[in-house]
């Protein structure tokens, strides 16, 4: 069965971008970048909204490739091999390596992958997609990299309007500068 994961960096007050849409306050150092690489390496697929897809196209740019350090090159290789599903109603196409454009039912596609015995971890990238998937009760884990900064507003990590969700701490790790990685499993009611 697929494990549906929402994983993003965010501020201590819970925002993945500031009020202007910037996330430059959350640039990872080499140790955090290595952890992100290992997380991506463990994925079977990654859903992305249009904005995140456009941001991540950076890793496919041949001009950028020549400027990357060895760790970044390794990330680019892993990212480019990963199957990516871009969810958008505004794009006509989603060019890129191992990239598919989904114009249909996001929830049905996530549920299909979640029920597939041969699928491992599937990431949901972006707050808008995560809100829809969480509202449908399909997120199995929340993974946060919490930066010690208060933004006071922006795009929230946890989808608004989803309602209470009980969580169980699976693991935590503290890096330099007070940056904390938290991994929570959704606790499902007993049937």
C-alpha atoms as a PDB file:
ATOM      1  CA  UNK A   1       0.000   0.000   0.000  1.00  0.00           C
ATOM      2  CA  UNK A   2       1.197   3.479  -0.811  1.00  0.00           C
ATOM      3  CA  UNK A   3       2.045   5.848   2.026  1.00  0.00           C
ATOM      4  CA  UNK A   4       0.851   9.393   1.269  1.00  0.00           C
ATOM      5  CA  UNK A   5       3.226  11.982   2.716  1.00  0.00           C
ATOM      6  CA  UNK A   6       3.026  15.776   2.925  1.00  0.00           C
ATOM      7  CA  UNK A   7       6.528  17.082   3.501  1.00  0.00           C
ATOM      8  CA  UNK A   8       7.627  20.725   3.447  1.00  0.00           C
ATOM      9  CA  UNK A   9       9.878  23.160   5.261  1.00  0.00           C
ATOM     10  CA  UNK A  10       8.096  25.860   7.206  1.00  0.00           C
ATOM     11  CA  UNK A  11       8.541  28.611   9.762  1.00  0.00           C
ATOM     12  CA  UNK A  12       7.938  28.079  13.466  1.00  0.00           C
ATOM     13  CA  UNK A  13       4.551  29.773  13.057  1.00  0.00           C
ATOM     14  CA  UNK A  14       3.623  27.319  10.311  1.00  0.00           C
ATOM     15  CA  UNK A  15       4.147  29.084   6.975  1.00  0.00           C
ATOM     16  CA  UNK A  16       5.879  27.512   3.952  1.00  0.00           C
ATOM     17  CA  UNK A  17       6.253  30.909   2.252  1.00  0.00           C
ATOM     18  CA  UNK A  18       6.098  34.437   3.590  1.00  0.00           C
ATOM     19  CA  UNK A  19       3.377  36.942   2.674  1.00  0.00           C
ATOM     20  CA  UNK A  20       5.190  37.745  -0.614  1.00  0.00           C
ATOM     21  CA  UNK A  21       5.526  34.068  -1.556  1.00  0.00           C
ATOM     22  CA  UNK A  22       9.253  33.892  -0.772  1.00  0.00           C
ATOM     23  CA  UNK A  23      10.971  30.991   0.959  1.00  0.00           C
ATOM     24  CA  UNK A  24      14.573  32.242   0.905  1.00  0.00           C
ATOM     25  CA  UNK A  25      14.607  32.122   4.721  1.00  0.00           C
ATOM     26  CA  UNK A  26      14.524  28.304   4.446  1.00  0.00           C
ATOM     27  CA  UNK A  27      17.572  27.605   2.291  1.00  0.00           C
ATOM     28  CA  UNK A  28      18.967  24.302   3.590  1.00  0.00           C
ATOM     29  CA  UNK A  29      22.598  23.776   4.518  1.00  0.00           C
ATOM     30  CA  UNK A  30      24.421  20.662   3.236  1.00  0.00           C
ATOM     31  CA  UNK A  31      23.245  18.427   6.099  1.00  0.00           C
ATOM     32  CA  UNK A  32      19.570  19.317   5.653  1.00  0.00           C
ATOM     33  CA  UNK A  33      19.904  19.102   1.874  1.00  0.00           C
ATOM     34  CA  UNK A  34      21.343  15.576   2.261  1.00  0.00           C
ATOM     35  CA  UNK A  35      18.308  14.597   4.384  1.00  0.00           C
ATOM     36  CA  UNK A  36      15.984  15.992   1.694  1.00  0.00           C
ATOM     37  CA  UNK A  37      17.877  14.010  -0.937  1.00  0.00           C
ATOM     38  CA  UNK A  38      17.420  10.785   1.030  1.00  0.00           C
ATOM     39  CA  UNK A  39      13.704  11.482   1.464  1.00  0.00           C
ATOM     40  CA  UNK A  40      13.256  12.064  -2.281  1.00  0.00           C
ATOM     41  CA  UNK A  41      15.323   8.963  -3.037  1.00  0.00           C
ATOM     42  CA  UNK A  42      12.759   6.907  -1.060  1.00  0.00           C
ATOM     43  CA  UNK A  43       9.727   8.117  -3.035  1.00  0.00           C
ATOM     44  CA  UNK A  44       7.757   6.146  -5.610  1.00  0.00           C
ATOM     45  CA  UNK A  45       6.115   9.298  -7.022  1.00  0.00           C
ATOM     46  CA  UNK A  46       5.598  12.992  -6.291  1.00  0.00           C
ATOM     47  CA  UNK A  47       2.459  15.090  -6.899  1.00  0.00           C
ATOM     48  CA  UNK A  48       3.180  18.768  -7.550  1.00  0.00           C
ATOM     49  CA  UNK A  49       1.015  21.782  -8.106  1.00  0.00           C
ATOM     50  CA  UNK A  50       1.858  24.172 -10.928  1.00  0.00           C
ATOM     51  CA  UNK A  51       3.919  26.621  -8.857  1.00  0.00           C
ATOM     52  CA  UNK A  52       6.034  23.928  -7.198  1.00  0.00           C
ATOM     53  CA  UNK A  53       6.480  22.196 -10.558  1.00  0.00           C
ATOM     54  CA  UNK A  54       7.750  25.440 -12.102  1.00  0.00           C
ATOM     55  CA  UNK A  55      10.145  25.953  -9.181  1.00  0.00           C
ATOM     56  CA  UNK A  56      11.492  22.403  -9.372  1.00  0.00           C
ATOM     57  CA  UNK A  57      12.146  22.641 -13.139  1.00  0.00           C
ATOM     58  CA  UNK A  58      15.386  24.281 -11.992  1.00  0.00           C
ATOM     59  CA  UNK A  59      16.850  20.808 -11.421  1.00  0.00           C
ATOM     60  CA  UNK A  60      16.323  19.867 -15.088  1.00  0.00           C
ATOM     61  CA  UNK A  61      17.970  22.949 -16.590  1.00  0.00           C
ATOM     62  CA  UNK A  62      21.158  21.930 -18.473  1.00  0.00           C
ATOM     63  CA  UNK A  63      22.689  25.374 -17.886  1.00  0.00           C
ATOM     64  CA  UNK A  64      22.174  24.970 -14.147  1.00  0.00           C
ATOM     65  CA  UNK A  65      23.630  21.443 -14.136  1.00  0.00           C
ATOM     66  CA  UNK A  66      27.141  22.703 -14.857  1.00  0.00           C
ATOM     67  CA  UNK A  67      27.021  24.991 -11.801  1.00  0.00           C
ATOM     68  CA  UNK A  68      25.865  22.383  -9.270  1.00  0.00           C
ATOM     69  CA  UNK A  69      28.092  20.989  -6.550  1.00  0.00           C
ATOM     70  CA  UNK A  70      28.311  17.170  -6.209  1.00  0.00           C
ATOM     71  CA  UNK A  71      25.465  16.932  -3.658  1.00  0.00           C
ATOM     72  CA  UNK A  72      23.208  19.113  -5.791  1.00  0.00           C
ATOM     73  CA  UNK A  73      24.057  17.052  -8.898  1.00  0.00           C
ATOM     74  CA  UNK A  74      23.105  13.901  -7.000  1.00  0.00           C
ATOM     75  CA  UNK A  75      19.783  15.484  -5.998  1.00  0.00           C
ATOM     76  CA  UNK A  76      19.136  16.546  -9.606  1.00  0.00           C
ATOM     77  CA  UNK A  77      19.769  12.985 -10.828  1.00  0.00           C
ATOM     78  CA  UNK A  78      17.414  11.479  -8.229  1.00  0.00           C
ATOM     79  CA  UNK A  79      14.754  14.155  -8.819  1.00  0.00           C
ATOM     80  CA  UNK A  80      14.871  13.771 -12.591  1.00  0.00           C
ATOM     81  CA  UNK A  81      14.395   9.983 -12.368  1.00  0.00           C
ATOM     82  CA  UNK A  82      11.446  10.277  -9.957  1.00  0.00           C
ATOM     83  CA  UNK A  83       7.955   9.937 -11.495  1.00  0.00           C
ATOM     84  CA  UNK A  84       6.222  13.305 -11.063  1.00  0.00           C
ATOM     85  CA  UNK A  85       2.518  14.060 -11.478  1.00  0.00           C
ATOM     86  CA  UNK A  86       1.776  17.744 -12.070  1.00  0.00           C
ATOM     87  CA  UNK A  87      -1.759  18.736 -11.104  1.00  0.00           C
ATOM     88  CA  UNK A  88      -2.898  21.812 -12.989  1.00  0.00           C
ATOM     89  CA  UNK A  89      -5.917  23.196 -14.778  1.00  0.00           C
ATOM     90  CA  UNK A  90      -3.894  26.032 -16.352  1.00  0.00           C
ATOM     91  CA  UNK A  91      -0.981  24.187 -17.978  1.00  0.00           C
ATOM     92  CA  UNK A  92      -1.361  22.727 -21.467  1.00  0.00           C
ATOM     93  CA  UNK A  93       1.610  20.406 -20.944  1.00  0.00           C
ATOM     94  CA  UNK A  94       4.136  19.506 -18.267  1.00  0.00           C
ATOM     95  CA  UNK A  95       7.402  18.904 -20.083  1.00  0.00           C
ATOM     96  CA  UNK A  96      10.165  17.311 -18.115  1.00  0.00           C
ATOM     97  CA  UNK A  97      11.733  13.997 -17.365  1.00  0.00           C
ATOM     98  CA  UNK A  98       9.315  11.437 -15.940  1.00  0.00           C
ATOM     99  CA  UNK A  99       6.589  14.081 -15.677  1.00  0.00           C
ATOM    100  CA  UNK A 100       2.871  13.589 -16.328  1.00  0.00           C
ATOM    101  CA  UNK A 101       0.173  16.264 -16.366  1.00  0.00           C
ATOM    102  CA  UNK A 102      -2.963  15.374 -14.390  1.00  0.00           C
ATOM    103  CA  UNK A 103      -6.051  17.367 -15.308  1.00  0.00           C
ATOM    104  CA  UNK A 104      -8.428  14.826 -13.838  1.00  0.00           C
ATOM    105  CA  UNK A 105      -9.433  13.865 -10.337  1.00  0.00           C
ATOM    106  CA  UNK A 106      -6.523  14.368  -7.915  1.00  0.00           C
ATOM    107  CA  UNK A 107      -8.266  12.543  -5.075  1.00  0.00           C
ATOM    108  CA  UNK A 108      -9.056   9.493  -7.206  1.00  0.00           C
ATOM    109  CA  UNK A 109      -5.444   9.293  -8.434  1.00  0.00           C
ATOM    110  CA  UNK A 110      -3.986   9.646  -4.914  1.00  0.00           C
ATOM    111  CA  UNK A 111      -6.436   7.014  -3.613  1.00  0.00           C
ATOM    112  CA  UNK A 112      -5.475   4.680  -6.469  1.00  0.00           C
ATOM    113  CA  UNK A 113      -1.766   4.957  -5.645  1.00  0.00           C
ATOM    114  CA  UNK A 114      -2.459   4.637  -1.927  1.00  0.00           C
ATOM    115  CA  UNK A 115      -4.308   1.347  -2.536  1.00  0.00           C
ATOM    116  CA  UNK A 116      -1.638  -0.040  -4.878  1.00  0.00           C
ATOM    117  CA  UNK A 117       0.350  -2.822  -3.171  1.00  0.00           C
ATOM    118  CA  UNK A 118       3.427  -2.094  -5.308  1.00  0.00           C
ATOM    119  CA  UNK A 119       3.637   1.623  -4.519  1.00  0.00           C
ATOM    120  CA  UNK A 120       5.808   2.898  -1.669  1.00  0.00           C
ATOM    121  CA  UNK A 121       5.896   6.493  -0.436  1.00  0.00           C
ATOM    122  CA  UNK A 122       4.097   9.132  -2.491  1.00  0.00           C
ATOM    123  CA  UNK A 123       4.731  12.802  -1.710  1.00  0.00           C
ATOM    124  CA  UNK A 124       2.180  15.587  -2.012  1.00  0.00           C
ATOM    125  CA  UNK A 125       3.977  18.841  -2.809  1.00  0.00           C
ATOM    126  CA  UNK A 126       2.347  22.182  -2.252  1.00  0.00           C
ATOM    127  CA  UNK A 127      -0.181  23.576   0.180  1.00  0.00           C
ATOM    128  CA  UNK A 128      -3.142  23.632  -2.217  1.00  0.00           C
ATOM    129  CA  UNK A 129      -2.776  19.975  -3.173  1.00  0.00           C
ATOM    130  CA  UNK A 130      -2.121  18.980   0.434  1.00  0.00           C
ATOM    131  CA  UNK A 131      -5.323  20.732   1.547  1.00  0.00           C
ATOM    132  CA  UNK A 132      -7.420  18.740  -0.921  1.00  0.00           C
ATOM    133  CA  UNK A 133      -5.727  15.428  -0.113  1.00  0.00           C
ATOM    134  CA  UNK A 134      -5.912  16.058   3.655  1.00  0.00           C
ATOM    135  CA  UNK A 135      -9.602  17.026   3.423  1.00  0.00           C
ATOM    136  CA  UNK A 136     -10.211  13.675   1.701  1.00  0.00           C
ATOM    137  CA  UNK A 137      -8.494  11.907   4.623  1.00  0.00           C
ATOM    138  CA  UNK A 138      -5.700  10.510   2.459  1.00  0.00           C
ATOM    139  CA  UNK A 139      -2.555  11.992   4.061  1.00  0.00           C
ATOM    140  CA  UNK A 140      -0.805   9.297   6.119  1.00  0.00           C
ATOM    141  CA  UNK A 141       2.213  11.288   7.333  1.00  0.00           C
ATOM    142  CA  UNK A 142       3.198  14.909   7.841  1.00  0.00           C
ATOM    143  CA  UNK A 143       6.921  15.671   7.661  1.00  0.00           C
ATOM    144  CA  UNK A 144       8.117  19.107   8.667  1.00  0.00           C
ATOM    145  CA  UNK A 145      11.459  20.821   8.658  1.00  0.00           C
ATOM    146  CA  UNK A 146      10.812  23.685  11.069  1.00  0.00           C
ATOM    147  CA  UNK A 147      12.992  26.789  10.767  1.00  0.00           C
ATOM    148  CA  UNK A 148      13.344  29.074  13.811  1.00  0.00           C
ATOM    149  CA  UNK A 149      11.769  32.123  12.229  1.00  0.00           C
ATOM    150  CA  UNK A 150       8.358  33.757  12.677  1.00  0.00           C
ATOM    151  CA  UNK A 151       6.865  35.039   9.420  1.00  0.00           C
ATOM    152  CA  UNK A 152       3.529  36.311  10.705  1.00  0.00           C
ATOM    153  CA  UNK A 153       1.708  35.300   7.544  1.00  0.00           C
ATOM    154  CA  UNK A 154       2.003  33.601   4.195  1.00  0.00           C
ATOM    155  CA  UNK A 155       1.053  30.188   2.860  1.00  0.00           C
ATOM    156  CA  UNK A 156       0.224  27.854   5.773  1.00  0.00           C
ATOM    157  CA  UNK A 157       1.818  24.395   6.025  1.00  0.00           C
ATOM    158  CA  UNK A 158      -1.234  22.791   7.578  1.00  0.00           C
ATOM    159  CA  UNK A 159      -4.300  23.119   5.372  1.00  0.00           C
ATOM    160  CA  UNK A 160      -6.922  25.447   6.857  1.00  0.00           C
ATOM    161  CA  UNK A 161     -10.430  24.090   7.252  1.00  0.00           C
ATOM    162  CA  UNK A 162      -9.457  20.422   7.332  1.00  0.00           C
ATOM    163  CA  UNK A 163     -10.419  19.938  10.964  1.00  0.00           C
ATOM    164  CA  UNK A 164      -8.667  18.266  13.867  1.00  0.00           C
ATOM    165  CA  UNK A 165      -6.267  15.467  12.959  1.00  0.00           C
ATOM    166  CA  UNK A 166      -4.686  13.289  15.647  1.00  0.00           C
ATOM    167  CA  UNK A 167      -0.984  12.664  15.092  1.00  0.00           C
ATOM    168  CA  UNK A 168       1.650  10.373  16.580  1.00  0.00           C
ATOM    169  CA  UNK A 169       5.310  11.442  16.598  1.00  0.00           C
ATOM    170  CA  UNK A 170       7.352   8.924  14.592  1.00  0.00           C
ATOM    171  CA  UNK A 171      10.722  10.681  14.767  1.00  0.00           C
ATOM    172  CA  UNK A 172      12.446  13.985  15.321  1.00  0.00           C
ATOM    173  CA  UNK A 173      15.903  15.318  14.601  1.00  0.00           C
ATOM    174  CA  UNK A 174      17.571  18.589  15.545  1.00  0.00           C
ATOM    175  CA  UNK A 175      20.146  20.212  13.307  1.00  0.00           C
ATOM    176  CA  UNK A 176      22.384  23.217  13.821  1.00  0.00           C
ATOM    177  CA  UNK A 177      20.799  26.663  14.053  1.00  0.00           C
ATOM    178  CA  UNK A 178      17.801  25.144  15.886  1.00  0.00           C
ATOM    179  CA  UNK A 179      16.250  23.638  12.756  1.00  0.00           C
ATOM    180  CA  UNK A 180      14.049  20.669  13.647  1.00  0.00           C
ATOM    181  CA  UNK A 181      12.786  17.761  11.517  1.00  0.00           C
ATOM    182  CA  UNK A 182       9.493  16.269  12.705  1.00  0.00           C
ATOM    183  CA  UNK A 183       7.737  13.216  11.303  1.00  0.00           C
ATOM    184  CA  UNK A 184       4.147  12.538  12.383  1.00  0.00           C
ATOM    185  CA  UNK A 185       1.840   9.663  11.459  1.00  0.00           C
ATOM    186  CA  UNK A 186      -1.898  10.316  11.215  1.00  0.00           C
ATOM    187  CA  UNK A 187      -3.777   8.347  13.874  1.00  0.00           C
ATOM    188  CA  UNK A 188      -6.850   6.813  12.286  1.00  0.00           C
ATOM    189  CA  UNK A 189      -9.925   6.032  14.413  1.00  0.00           C
ATOM    190  CA  UNK A 190     -10.345   2.339  15.227  1.00  0.00           C
ATOM    191  CA  UNK A 191     -12.947   0.669  13.062  1.00  0.00           C
END
